[in-house]
Amino acid sequence: MDNYHYVYHKETDEQAFRLQEGKFEGVVWNYSNVKLPIHDENGELLSPEEVESIPLTFEYEILYNKNGVVTEDNHKEFEFVIGDILMNVIEEGLEHDQITVDPENRNKDSEQLDS
């Protein structure tokens, strides 16, 4: 796992992430529209033990691209790195009861989880 830290914007106090080492060292980003579907296409609850993978989708904004290391040619690699970090953050949050999962099907509900 790439070494990352939480950072905060001095003026807005908005939380973001910064890679501390590796190919994308120094890049700062934040996540938005994180979705971890817990229902299949039929609306049935997915069992993590029974599925091969649960798709994670997210958007991100690069707040600081140190030395322009994230480019059009390697942005998919960067997305893979920060996707792994996001999964780690989610797993740690679940383990420490900082994140809860509501298994209720909200496919037709316009209410969304605030992040």
PDB file of N, CA and C in Angstrom:
ATOM      1  N   MET A   1       0.853  -1.185   0.000  1.00  0.00           N
ATOM      2  CA  MET A   1       0.000   0.000   0.000  1.00  0.00           C
ATOM      3  C   MET A   1       0.890   1.237   0.000  1.00  0.00           C
ATOM      4  N   ASP A   2       0.539   2.169  -0.866  1.00  0.00           N
ATOM      5  CA  ASP A   2       1.281   3.417  -0.934  1.00  0.00           C
ATOM      6  C   ASP A   2       1.103   4.201   0.364  1.00  0.00           C
ATOM      7  N   ASN A   3       2.154   4.901   0.752  1.00  0.00           N
ATOM      8  CA  ASN A   3       2.147   5.681   1.976  1.00  0.00           C
ATOM      9  C   ASN A   3       1.436   7.001   1.715  1.00  0.00           C
ATOM     10  N   TYR A   4       0.375   7.267   2.471  1.00  0.00           N
ATOM     11  CA  TYR A   4      -0.390   8.491   2.299  1.00  0.00           C
ATOM     12  C   TYR A   4      -0.700   9.092   3.663  1.00  0.00           C
ATOM     13  N   HIS A   5      -1.064  10.357   3.634  1.00  0.00           N
ATOM     14  CA  HIS A   5      -1.451  11.065   4.858  1.00  0.00           C
ATOM     15  C   HIS A   5      -2.680  11.896   4.576  1.00  0.00           C
ATOM     16  N   TYR A   6      -3.447  12.152   5.636  1.00  0.00           N
ATOM     17  CA  TYR A   6      -4.542  13.110   5.543  1.00  0.00           C
ATOM     18  C   TYR A   6      -3.945  14.502   5.665  1.00  0.00           C
ATOM     19  N   VAL A   7      -4.445  15.408   4.876  1.00  0.00           N
ATOM     20  CA  VAL A   7      -4.022  16.808   4.954  1.00  0.00           C
ATOM     21  C   VAL A   7      -5.280  17.670   4.966  1.00  0.00           C
ATOM     22  N   TYR A   8      -5.142  18.904   5.441  1.00  0.00           N
ATOM     23  CA  TYR A   8      -6.269  19.815   5.517  1.00  0.00           C
ATOM     24  C   TYR A   8      -5.911  21.136   4.865  1.00  0.00           C
ATOM     25  N   HIS A   9      -6.862  21.682   4.118  1.00  0.00           N
ATOM     26  CA  HIS A   9      -6.678  22.992   3.514  1.00  0.00           C
ATOM     27  C   HIS A   9      -6.648  24.028   4.621  1.00  0.00           C
ATOM     28  N   LYS A  10      -5.662  24.898   4.612  1.00  0.00           N
ATOM     29  CA  LYS A  10      -5.480  25.872   5.695  1.00  0.00           C
ATOM     30  C   LYS A  10      -6.669  26.807   5.851  1.00  0.00           C
ATOM     31  N   GLU A  11      -7.288  27.209   4.757  1.00  0.00           N
ATOM     32  CA  GLU A  11      -8.374  28.186   4.841  1.00  0.00           C
ATOM     33  C   GLU A  11      -9.751  27.547   4.983  1.00  0.00           C
ATOM     34  N   THR A  12      -9.993  26.452   4.280  1.00  0.00           N
ATOM     35  CA  THR A  12     -11.329  25.845   4.292  1.00  0.00           C
ATOM     36  C   THR A  12     -11.459  24.680   5.267  1.00  0.00           C
ATOM     37  N   ASP A  13     -10.353  24.163   5.769  1.00  0.00           N
ATOM     38  CA  ASP A  13     -10.318  22.995   6.655  1.00  0.00           C
ATOM     39  C   ASP A  13     -10.853  21.738   5.960  1.00  0.00           C
ATOM     40  N   GLU A  14     -10.883  21.757   4.619  1.00  0.00           N
ATOM     41  CA  GLU A  14     -11.323  20.605   3.846  1.00  0.00           C
ATOM     42  C   GLU A  14     -10.256  19.522   3.893  1.00  0.00           C
ATOM     43  N   GLN A  15     -10.699  18.276   4.137  1.00  0.00           N
ATOM     44  CA  GLN A  15      -9.767  17.156   4.217  1.00  0.00           C
ATOM     45  C   GLN A  15      -9.427  16.642   2.829  1.00  0.00           C
ATOM     46  N   ALA A  16      -8.180  16.263   2.652  1.00  0.00           N
ATOM     47  CA  ALA A  16      -7.711  15.665   1.402  1.00  0.00           C
ATOM     48  C   ALA A  16      -6.652  14.626   1.758  1.00  0.00           C
ATOM     49  N   PHE A  17      -6.051  14.042   0.742  1.00  0.00           N
ATOM     50  CA  PHE A  17      -5.024  13.023   0.913  1.00  0.00           C
ATOM     51  C   PHE A  17      -3.781  13.439   0.145  1.00  0.00           C
ATOM     52  N   ARG A  18      -2.615  13.030   0.653  1.00  0.00           N
ATOM     53  CA  ARG A  18      -1.351  13.305  -0.034  1.00  0.00           C
ATOM     54  C   ARG A  18      -0.505  12.045  -0.003  1.00  0.00           C
ATOM     55  N   LEU A  19      -0.007  11.660  -1.187  1.00  0.00           N
ATOM     56  CA  LEU A  19       0.906  10.521  -1.261  1.00  0.00           C
ATOM     57  C   LEU A  19       2.273  10.959  -0.759  1.00  0.00           C
ATOM     58  N   GLN A  20       2.884  10.133   0.075  1.00  0.00           N
ATOM     59  CA  GLN A  20       4.154  10.468   0.705  1.00  0.00           C
ATOM     60  C   GLN A  20       5.358   9.863   0.000  1.00  0.00           C
ATOM     61  N   GLU A  21       5.118   8.890  -0.878  1.00  0.00           N
ATOM     62  CA  GLU A  21       6.233   8.252  -1.574  1.00  0.00           C
ATOM     63  C   GLU A  21       5.718   7.621  -2.850  1.00  0.00           C
ATOM     64  N   GLY A  22       6.630   7.130  -3.655  1.00  0.00           N
ATOM     65  CA  GLY A  22       6.272   6.446  -4.892  1.00  0.00           C
ATOM     66  C   GLY A  22       6.197   7.382  -6.081  1.00  0.00           C
ATOM     67  N   LYS A  23       5.726   6.847  -7.165  1.00  0.00           N
ATOM     68  CA  LYS A  23       5.667   7.560  -8.436  1.00  0.00           C
ATOM     69  C   LYS A  23       4.866   8.855  -8.348  1.00  0.00           C
ATOM     70  N   PHE A  24       3.823   8.870  -7.522  1.00  0.00           N
ATOM     71  CA  PHE A  24       2.940  10.033  -7.430  1.00  0.00           C
ATOM     72  C   PHE A  24       3.154  10.816  -6.131  1.00  0.00           C
ATOM     73  N   GLU A  25       4.337  10.730  -5.592  1.00  0.00           N
ATOM     74  CA  GLU A  25       4.670  11.422  -4.340  1.00  0.00           C
ATOM     75  C   GLU A  25       4.322  12.911  -4.426  1.00  0.00           C
ATOM     76  N   GLY A  26       3.672  13.407  -3.387  1.00  0.00           N
ATOM     77  CA  GLY A  26       3.351  14.822  -3.289  1.00  0.00           C
ATOM     78  C   GLY A  26       2.012  15.216  -3.881  1.00  0.00           C
ATOM     79  N   VAL A  27       1.356  14.316  -4.623  1.00  0.00           N
ATOM     80  CA  VAL A  27       0.056  14.640  -5.211  1.00  0.00           C
ATOM     81  C   VAL A  27      -0.992  14.676  -4.103  1.00  0.00           C
ATOM     82  N   VAL A  28      -1.826  15.713  -4.139  1.00  0.00           N
ATOM     83  CA  VAL A  28      -2.898  15.892  -3.148  1.00  0.00           C
ATOM     84  C   VAL A  28      -4.230  15.815  -3.886  1.00  0.00           C
ATOM     85  N   TRP A  29      -5.170  15.057  -3.352  1.00  0.00           N
ATOM     86  CA  TRP A  29      -6.478  14.892  -3.976  1.00  0.00           C
ATOM     87  C   TRP A  29      -7.541  14.675  -2.918  1.00  0.00           C
ATOM     88  N   ASN A  30      -8.800  14.809  -3.347  1.00  0.00           N
ATOM     89  CA  ASN A  30      -9.905  14.405  -2.496  1.00  0.00           C
ATOM     90  C   ASN A  30     -10.902  13.613  -3.331  1.00  0.00           C
ATOM     91  N   TYR A  31     -11.767  12.884  -2.646  1.00  0.00           N
ATOM     92  CA  TYR A  31     -12.747  12.024  -3.289  1.00  0.00           C
ATOM     93  C   TYR A  31     -14.119  12.685  -3.256  1.00  0.00           C
ATOM     94  N   SER A  32     -14.948  12.311  -4.223  1.00  0.00           N
ATOM     95  CA  SER A  32     -16.356  12.707  -4.198  1.00  0.00           C
ATOM     96  C   SER A  32     -17.165  11.597  -4.867  1.00  0.00           C
ATOM     97  N   ASN A  33     -18.453  11.617  -4.617  1.00  0.00           N
ATOM     98  CA  ASN A  33     -19.380  10.651  -5.227  1.00  0.00           C
ATOM     99  C   ASN A  33     -18.897   9.208  -5.094  1.00  0.00           C
ATOM    100  N   VAL A  34     -18.483   8.844  -3.890  1.00  0.00           N
ATOM    101  CA  VAL A  34     -18.032   7.475  -3.637  1.00  0.00           C
ATOM    102  C   VAL A  34     -19.266   6.579  -3.552  1.00  0.00           C
ATOM    103  N   LYS A  35     -19.248   5.511  -4.329  1.00  0.00           N
ATOM    104  CA  LYS A  35     -20.370   4.573  -4.337  1.00  0.00           C
ATOM    105  C   LYS A  35     -19.840   3.154  -4.248  1.00  0.00           C
ATOM    106  N   LEU A  36     -20.379   2.433  -3.298  1.00  0.00           N
ATOM    107  CA  LEU A  36     -20.029   1.036  -3.096  1.00  0.00           C
ATOM    108  C   LEU A  36     -21.349   0.265  -3.104  1.00  0.00           C
ATOM    109  N   PRO A  37     -21.785  -0.156  -4.289  1.00  0.00           N
ATOM    110  CA  PRO A  37     -23.091  -0.809  -4.379  1.00  0.00           C
ATOM    111  C   PRO A  37     -23.147  -2.063  -3.509  1.00  0.00           C
ATOM    112  N   ILE A  38     -24.236  -2.195  -2.772  1.00  0.00           N
ATOM    113  CA  ILE A  38     -24.399  -3.388  -1.939  1.00  0.00           C
ATOM    114  C   ILE A  38     -25.573  -4.237  -2.421  1.00  0.00           C
ATOM    115  N   HIS A  39     -26.136  -3.855  -3.574  1.00  0.00           N
ATOM    116  CA  HIS A  39     -27.230  -4.612  -4.183  1.00  0.00           C
ATOM    117  C   HIS A  39     -26.843  -4.992  -5.614  1.00  0.00           C
ATOM    118  N   ASP A  40     -27.313  -6.152  -6.047  1.00  0.00           N
ATOM    119  CA  ASP A  40     -27.053  -6.548  -7.428  1.00  0.00           C
ATOM    120  C   ASP A  40     -28.062  -5.884  -8.347  1.00  0.00           C
ATOM    121  N   GLU A  41     -27.994  -6.220  -9.639  1.00  0.00           N
ATOM    122  CA  GLU A  41     -28.870  -5.592 -10.631  1.00  0.00           C
ATOM    123  C   GLU A  41     -30.343  -5.923 -10.413  1.00  0.00           C
ATOM    124  N   ASN A  42     -30.633  -6.977  -9.628  1.00  0.00           N
ATOM    125  CA  ASN A  42     -32.015  -7.347  -9.309  1.00  0.00           C
ATOM    126  C   ASN A  42     -32.495  -6.743  -7.994  1.00  0.00           C
ATOM    127  N   GLY A  43     -31.647  -5.946  -7.347  1.00  0.00           N
ATOM    128  CA  GLY A  43     -32.026  -5.327  -6.080  1.00  0.00           C
ATOM    129  C   GLY A  43     -31.764  -6.205  -4.874  1.00  0.00           C
ATOM    130  N   GLU A  44     -31.144  -7.359  -5.081  1.00  0.00           N
ATOM    131  CA  GLU A  44     -30.851  -8.274  -3.981  1.00  0.00           C
ATOM    132  C   GLU A  44     -29.581  -7.844  -3.267  1.00  0.00           C
ATOM    133  N   LEU A  45     -29.573  -7.988  -1.944  1.00  0.00           N
ATOM    134  CA  LEU A  45     -28.420  -7.636  -1.135  1.00  0.00           C
ATOM    135  C   LEU A  45     -27.234  -8.530  -1.484  1.00  0.00           C
ATOM    136  N   LEU A  46     -26.070  -7.923  -1.764  1.00  0.00           N
ATOM    137  CA  LEU A  46     -24.858  -8.679  -2.054  1.00  0.00           C
ATOM    138  C   LEU A  46     -24.238  -9.178  -0.754  1.00  0.00           C
ATOM    139  N   SER A  47     -23.770 -10.390  -0.773  1.00  0.00           N
ATOM    140  CA  SER A  47     -23.040 -10.941   0.360  1.00  0.00           C
ATOM    141  C   SER A  47     -21.557 -10.868   0.030  1.00  0.00           C
ATOM    142  N   PRO A  48     -20.771 -10.061   0.769  1.00  0.00           N
ATOM    143  CA  PRO A  48     -19.345  -9.917   0.453  1.00  0.00           C
ATOM    144  C   PRO A  48     -18.593 -11.239   0.405  1.00  0.00           C
ATOM    145  N   GLU A  49     -19.052 -12.230   1.177  1.00  0.00           N
ATOM    146  CA  GLU A  49     -18.380 -13.521   1.204  1.00  0.00           C
ATOM    147  C   GLU A  49     -18.646 -14.325  -0.065  1.00  0.00           C
ATOM    148  N   GLU A  50     -19.732 -14.022  -0.764  1.00  0.00           N
ATOM    149  CA  GLU A  50     -20.141 -14.823  -1.909  1.00  0.00           C
ATOM    150  C   GLU A  50     -19.802 -14.203  -3.264  1.00  0.00           C
ATOM    151  N   VAL A  51     -19.462 -12.942  -3.293  1.00  0.00           N
ATOM    152  CA  VAL A  51     -19.166 -12.305  -4.575  1.00  0.00           C
ATOM    153  C   VAL A  51     -17.666 -12.236  -4.800  1.00  0.00           C
ATOM    154  N   GLU A  52     -17.299 -12.249  -6.067  1.00  0.00           N
ATOM    155  CA  GLU A  52     -15.889 -12.157  -6.422  1.00  0.00           C
ATOM    156  C   GLU A  52     -15.350 -10.762  -6.132  1.00  0.00           C
ATOM    157  N   SER A  53     -16.159  -9.751  -6.445  1.00  0.00           N
ATOM    158  CA  SER A  53     -15.758  -8.377  -6.159  1.00  0.00           C
ATOM    159  C   SER A  53     -16.998  -7.499  -6.090  1.00  0.00           C
ATOM    160  N   ILE A  54     -16.907  -6.443  -5.307  1.00  0.00           N
ATOM    161  CA  ILE A  54     -17.966  -5.445  -5.232  1.00  0.00           C
ATOM    162  C   ILE A  54     -17.408  -4.190  -5.896  1.00  0.00           C
ATOM    163  N   PRO A  55     -18.074  -3.713  -6.947  1.00  0.00           N
ATOM    164  CA  PRO A  55     -17.518  -2.567  -7.674  1.00  0.00           C
ATOM    165  C   PRO A  55     -17.558  -1.287  -6.846  1.00  0.00           C
ATOM    166  N   LEU A  56     -16.465  -0.580  -6.860  1.00  0.00           N
ATOM    167  CA  LEU A  56     -16.353   0.703  -6.175  1.00  0.00           C
ATOM    168  C   LEU A  56     -16.202   1.762  -7.257  1.00  0.00           C
ATOM    169  N   THR A  57     -17.028   2.785  -7.190  1.00  0.00           N
ATOM    170  CA  THR A  57     -16.874   3.893  -8.119  1.00  0.00           C
ATOM    171  C   THR A  57     -16.680   5.165  -7.309  1.00  0.00           C
ATOM    172  N   PHE A  58     -15.925   6.074  -7.872  1.00  0.00           N
ATOM    173  CA  PHE A  58     -15.677   7.344  -7.201  1.00  0.00           C
ATOM    174  C   PHE A  58     -15.184   8.361  -8.215  1.00  0.00           C
ATOM    175  N   GLU A  59     -15.292   9.594  -7.832  1.00  0.00           N
ATOM    176  CA  GLU A  59     -14.694  10.686  -8.585  1.00  0.00           C
ATOM    177  C   GLU A  59     -13.634  11.288  -7.681  1.00  0.00           C
ATOM    178  N   TYR A  60     -12.728  12.029  -8.256  1.00  0.00           N
ATOM    179  CA  TYR A  60     -11.684  12.667  -7.465  1.00  0.00           C
ATOM    180  C   TYR A  60     -11.289  13.972  -8.107  1.00  0.00           C
ATOM    181  N   GLU A  61     -10.694  14.812  -7.307  1.00  0.00           N
ATOM    182  CA  GLU A  61     -10.158  16.073  -7.807  1.00  0.00           C
ATOM    183  C   GLU A  61      -8.725  16.186  -7.329  1.00  0.00           C
ATOM    184  N   ILE A  62      -7.823  16.392  -8.263  1.00  0.00           N
ATOM    185  CA  ILE A  62      -6.429  16.617  -7.887  1.00  0.00           C
ATOM    186  C   ILE A  62      -6.305  18.074  -7.470  1.00  0.00           C
ATOM    187  N   LEU A  63      -5.901  18.280  -6.228  1.00  0.00           N
ATOM    188  CA  LEU A  63      -5.759  19.629  -5.700  1.00  0.00           C
ATOM    189  C   LEU A  63      -4.357  20.173  -5.904  1.00  0.00           C
ATOM    190  N   TYR A  64      -3.389  19.263  -5.947  1.00  0.00           N
ATOM    191  CA  TYR A  64      -1.999  19.665  -6.170  1.00  0.00           C
ATOM    192  C   TYR A  64      -1.297  18.528  -6.890  1.00  0.00           C
ATOM    193  N   ASN A  65      -0.820  18.791  -8.092  1.00  0.00           N
ATOM    194  CA  ASN A  65      -0.146  17.793  -8.913  1.00  0.00           C
ATOM    195  C   ASN A  65       1.344  18.131  -8.922  1.00  0.00           C
ATOM    196  N   LYS A  66       2.036  17.738  -7.856  1.00  0.00           N
ATOM    197  CA  LYS A  66       3.448  18.076  -7.685  1.00  0.00           C
ATOM    198  C   LYS A  66       4.260  17.677  -8.906  1.00  0.00           C
ATOM    199  N   ASN A  67       4.927  18.655  -9.479  1.00  0.00           N
ATOM    200  CA  ASN A  67       5.786  18.457 -10.646  1.00  0.00           C
ATOM    201  C   ASN A  67       5.051  17.846 -11.838  1.00  0.00           C
ATOM    202  N   GLY A  68       3.720  17.947 -11.847  1.00  0.00           N
ATOM    203  CA  GLY A  68       2.946  17.418 -12.969  1.00  0.00           C
ATOM    204  C   GLY A  68       3.070  15.922 -13.153  1.00  0.00           C
ATOM    205  N   VAL A  69       3.234  15.163 -12.049  1.00  0.00           N
ATOM    206  CA  VAL A  69       3.484  13.722 -12.161  1.00  0.00           C
ATOM    207  C   VAL A  69       2.272  12.937 -12.656  1.00  0.00           C
ATOM    208  N   VAL A  70       1.050  13.416 -12.410  1.00  0.00           N
ATOM    209  CA  VAL A  70      -0.126  12.747 -12.960  1.00  0.00           C
ATOM    210  C   VAL A  70      -0.376  13.368 -14.330  1.00  0.00           C
ATOM    211  N   THR A  71      -0.313  12.522 -15.350  1.00  0.00           N
ATOM    212  CA  THR A  71      -0.467  12.996 -16.729  1.00  0.00           C
ATOM    213  C   THR A  71      -1.614  12.261 -17.406  1.00  0.00           C
ATOM    214  N   GLU A  72      -1.926  12.679 -18.598  1.00  0.00           N
ATOM    215  CA  GLU A  72      -2.949  12.003 -19.386  1.00  0.00           C
ATOM    216  C   GLU A  72      -2.560  10.549 -19.644  1.00  0.00           C
ATOM    217  N   ASP A  73      -1.268  10.288 -19.771  1.00  0.00           N
ATOM    218  CA  ASP A  73      -0.789   8.934 -20.054  1.00  0.00           C
ATOM    219  C   ASP A  73      -0.832   7.997 -18.851  1.00  0.00           C
ATOM    220  N   ASN A  74      -0.739   8.534 -17.622  1.00  0.00           N
ATOM    221  CA  ASN A  74      -0.681   7.649 -16.454  1.00  0.00           C
ATOM    222  C   ASN A  74      -1.827   7.866 -15.462  1.00  0.00           C
ATOM    223  N   HIS A  75      -2.867   8.617 -15.846  1.00  0.00           N
ATOM    224  CA  HIS A  75      -3.944   8.888 -14.895  1.00  0.00           C
ATOM    225  C   HIS A  75      -4.699   7.627 -14.474  1.00  0.00           C
ATOM    226  N   LYS A  76      -4.770   6.618 -15.339  1.00  0.00           N
ATOM    227  CA  LYS A  76      -5.429   5.355 -14.956  1.00  0.00           C
ATOM    228  C   LYS A  76      -4.641   4.652 -13.853  1.00  0.00           C
ATOM    229  N   GLU A  77      -3.329   4.695 -13.948  1.00  0.00           N
ATOM    230  CA  GLU A  77      -2.481   4.121 -12.899  1.00  0.00           C
ATOM    231  C   GLU A  77      -2.696   4.870 -11.580  1.00  0.00           C
ATOM    232  N   PHE A  78      -2.786   6.201 -11.659  1.00  0.00           N
ATOM    233  CA  PHE A  78      -3.056   7.008 -10.471  1.00  0.00           C
ATOM    234  C   PHE A  78      -4.411   6.633  -9.872  1.00  0.00           C
ATOM    235  N   GLU A  79      -5.427   6.467 -10.713  1.00  0.00           N
ATOM    236  CA  GLU A  79      -6.760   6.088 -10.231  1.00  0.00           C
ATOM    237  C   GLU A  79      -6.721   4.738  -9.523  1.00  0.00           C
ATOM    238  N   PHE A  80      -5.929   3.809 -10.034  1.00  0.00           N
ATOM    239  CA  PHE A  80      -5.788   2.502  -9.396  1.00  0.00           C
ATOM    240  C   PHE A  80      -5.175   2.658  -8.002  1.00  0.00           C
ATOM    241  N   VAL A  81      -4.133   3.482  -7.895  1.00  0.00           N
ATOM    242  CA  VAL A  81      -3.462   3.726  -6.611  1.00  0.00           C
ATOM    243  C   VAL A  81      -4.431   4.337  -5.611  1.00  0.00           C
ATOM    244  N   ILE A  82      -5.147   5.382  -6.030  1.00  0.00           N
ATOM    245  CA  ILE A  82      -6.039   6.036  -5.061  1.00  0.00           C
ATOM    246  C   ILE A  82      -7.288   5.212  -4.799  1.00  0.00           C
ATOM    247  N   GLY A  83      -7.658   4.319  -5.732  1.00  0.00           N
ATOM    248  CA  GLY A  83      -8.757   3.380  -5.478  1.00  0.00           C
ATOM    249  C   GLY A  83      -8.400   2.406  -4.375  1.00  0.00           C
ATOM    250  N   ASP A  84      -7.161   1.904  -4.404  1.00  0.00           N
ATOM    251  CA  ASP A  84      -6.689   1.025  -3.325  1.00  0.00           C
ATOM    252  C   ASP A  84      -6.677   1.759  -1.983  1.00  0.00           C
ATOM    253  N   ILE A  85      -6.255   3.012  -2.009  1.00  0.00           N
ATOM    254  CA  ILE A  85      -6.236   3.802  -0.776  1.00  0.00           C
ATOM    255  C   ILE A  85      -7.656   3.999  -0.260  1.00  0.00           C
ATOM    256  N   LEU A  86      -8.582   4.290  -1.153  1.00  0.00           N
ATOM    257  CA  LEU A  86      -9.974   4.472  -0.734  1.00  0.00           C
ATOM    258  C   LEU A  86     -10.529   3.200  -0.114  1.00  0.00           C
ATOM    259  N   MET A  87     -10.233   2.057  -0.707  1.00  0.00           N
ATOM    260  CA  MET A  87     -10.694   0.789  -0.120  1.00  0.00           C
ATOM    261  C   MET A  87     -10.098   0.600   1.264  1.00  0.00           C
ATOM    262  N   ASN A  88      -8.841   0.957   1.444  1.00  0.00           N
ATOM    263  CA  ASN A  88      -8.200   0.861   2.748  1.00  0.00           C
ATOM    264  C   ASN A  88      -8.906   1.775   3.759  1.00  0.00           C
ATOM    265  N   VAL A  89      -9.217   2.995   3.342  1.00  0.00           N
ATOM    266  CA  VAL A  89      -9.911   3.943   4.223  1.00  0.00           C
ATOM    267  C   VAL A  89     -11.280   3.393   4.615  1.00  0.00           C
ATOM    268  N   ILE A  90     -12.001   2.825   3.654  1.00  0.00           N
ATOM    269  CA  ILE A  90     -13.319   2.251   3.934  1.00  0.00           C
ATOM    270  C   ILE A  90     -13.198   1.071   4.891  1.00  0.00           C
ATOM    271  N   GLU A  91     -12.258   0.165   4.629  1.00  0.00           N
ATOM    272  CA  GLU A  91     -12.073  -1.004   5.499  1.00  0.00           C
ATOM    273  C   GLU A  91     -11.729  -0.582   6.927  1.00  0.00           C
ATOM    274  N   GLU A  92     -10.816   0.385   7.078  1.00  0.00           N
ATOM    275  CA  GLU A  92     -10.454   0.858   8.413  1.00  0.00           C
ATOM    276  C   GLU A  92     -11.643   1.519   9.096  1.00  0.00           C
ATOM    277  N   GLY A  93     -12.412   2.280   8.340  1.00  0.00           N
ATOM    278  CA  GLY A  93     -13.598   2.926   8.906  1.00  0.00           C
ATOM    279  C   GLY A  93     -14.618   1.923   9.395  1.00  0.00           C
ATOM    280  N   LEU A  94     -14.814   0.855   8.641  1.00  0.00           N
ATOM    281  CA  LEU A  94     -15.750  -0.192   9.054  1.00  0.00           C
ATOM    282  C   LEU A  94     -15.244  -0.917  10.296  1.00  0.00           C
ATOM    283  N   GLU A  95     -13.942  -1.218  10.321  1.00  0.00           N
ATOM    284  CA  GLU A  95     -13.355  -1.925  11.462  1.00  0.00           C
ATOM    285  C   GLU A  95     -13.468  -1.118  12.756  1.00  0.00           C
ATOM    286  N   HIS A  96     -13.394   0.196  12.650  1.00  0.00           N
ATOM    287  CA  HIS A  96     -13.414   1.057  13.836  1.00  0.00           C
ATOM    288  C   HIS A  96     -14.766   1.728  14.048  1.00  0.00           C
ATOM    289  N   ASP A  97     -15.808   1.195  13.393  1.00  0.00           N
ATOM    290  CA  ASP A  97     -17.167   1.721  13.520  1.00  0.00           C
ATOM    291  C   ASP A  97     -17.276   3.208  13.201  1.00  0.00           C
ATOM    292  N   GLN A  98     -16.439   3.684  12.290  1.00  0.00           N
ATOM    293  CA  GLN A  98     -16.509   5.067  11.846  1.00  0.00           C
ATOM    294  C   GLN A  98     -17.386   5.191  10.609  1.00  0.00           C
ATOM    295  N   ILE A  99     -17.667   4.058   9.973  1.00  0.00           N
ATOM    296  CA  ILE A  99     -18.540   3.988   8.808  1.00  0.00           C
ATOM    297  C   ILE A  99     -19.548   2.888   9.084  1.00  0.00           C
ATOM    298  N   THR A 100     -20.797   3.148   8.780  1.00  0.00           N
ATOM    299  CA  THR A 100     -21.814   2.112   8.897  1.00  0.00           C
ATOM    300  C   THR A 100     -22.450   1.904   7.539  1.00  0.00           C
ATOM    301  N   VAL A 101     -22.950   0.707   7.322  1.00  0.00           N
ATOM    302  CA  VAL A 101     -23.598   0.359   6.068  1.00  0.00           C
ATOM    303  C   VAL A 101     -25.069   0.156   6.344  1.00  0.00           C
ATOM    304  N   ASP A 102     -25.905   0.863   5.589  1.00  0.00           N
ATOM    305  CA  ASP A 102     -27.350   0.710   5.681  1.00  0.00           C
ATOM    306  C   ASP A 102     -27.774  -0.186   4.526  1.00  0.00           C
ATOM    307  N   PRO A 103     -28.156  -1.439   4.800  1.00  0.00           N
ATOM    308  CA  PRO A 103     -28.466  -2.373   3.722  1.00  0.00           C
ATOM    309  C   PRO A 103     -29.803  -2.106   3.031  1.00  0.00           C
ATOM    310  N   GLU A 104     -30.566  -1.119   3.470  1.00  0.00           N
ATOM    311  CA  GLU A 104     -31.843  -0.802   2.845  1.00  0.00           C
ATOM    312  C   GLU A 104     -31.616  -0.387   1.395  1.00  0.00           C
ATOM    313  N   ASN A 105     -32.432  -0.907   0.496  1.00  0.00           N
ATOM    314  CA  ASN A 105     -32.304  -0.585  -0.921  1.00  0.00           C
ATOM    315  C   ASN A 105     -32.782   0.838  -1.156  1.00  0.00           C
ATOM    316  N   ARG A 106     -31.880   1.696  -1.603  1.00  0.00           N
ATOM    317  CA  ARG A 106     -32.222   3.091  -1.848  1.00  0.00           C
ATOM    318  C   ARG A 106     -32.166   3.429  -3.330  1.00  0.00           C
ATOM    319  N   ASN A 107     -32.301   2.421  -4.180  1.00  0.00           N
ATOM    320  CA  ASN A 107     -32.221   2.667  -5.615  1.00  0.00           C
ATOM    321  C   ASN A 107     -33.250   3.668  -6.100  1.00  0.00           C
ATOM    322  N   LYS A 108     -34.429   3.689  -5.487  1.00  0.00           N
ATOM    323  CA  LYS A 108     -35.489   4.586  -5.928  1.00  0.00           C
ATOM    324  C   LYS A 108     -35.672   5.759  -4.986  1.00  0.00           C
ATOM    325  N   ASP A 109     -34.781   5.908  -4.025  1.00  0.00           N
ATOM    326  CA  ASP A 109     -34.866   6.974  -3.037  1.00  0.00           C
ATOM    327  C   ASP A 109     -33.883   8.070  -3.429  1.00  0.00           C
ATOM    328  N   SER A 110     -34.342   9.307  -3.447  1.00  0.00           N
ATOM    329  CA  SER A 110     -33.472  10.402  -3.852  1.00  0.00           C
ATOM    330  C   SER A 110     -32.551  10.842  -2.732  1.00  0.00           C
ATOM    331  N   GLU A 111     -32.776  10.359  -1.506  1.00  0.00           N
ATOM    332  CA  GLU A 111     -31.915  10.727  -0.384  1.00  0.00           C
ATOM    333  C   GLU A 111     -30.556  10.074  -0.548  1.00  0.00           C
ATOM    334  N   GLN A 112     -29.508  10.840  -0.337  1.00  0.00           N
ATOM    335  CA  GLN A 112     -28.163  10.299  -0.477  1.00  0.00           C
ATOM    336  C   GLN A 112     -27.388  10.542   0.804  1.00  0.00           C
ATOM    337  N   LEU A 113     -26.364   9.735   1.006  1.00  0.00           N
ATOM    338  CA  LEU A 113     -25.482   9.860   2.152  1.00  0.00           C
ATOM    339  C   LEU A 113     -24.579  11.067   1.972  1.00  0.00           C
ATOM    340  N   ASP A 114     -24.502  11.910   2.991  1.00  0.00           N
ATOM    341  CA  ASP A 114     -23.577  13.035   2.949  1.00  0.00           C
ATOM    342  C   ASP A 114     -22.183  12.529   3.256  1.00  0.00           C
ATOM    343  N   SER A 115     -21.186  13.035   2.544  1.00  0.00           N
ATOM    344  CA  SER A 115     -19.812  12.628   2.819  1.00  0.00           C
ATOM    345  C   SER A 115     -19.028  13.747   3.400  1.00  0.00           C
TER     346      SER A 115
END
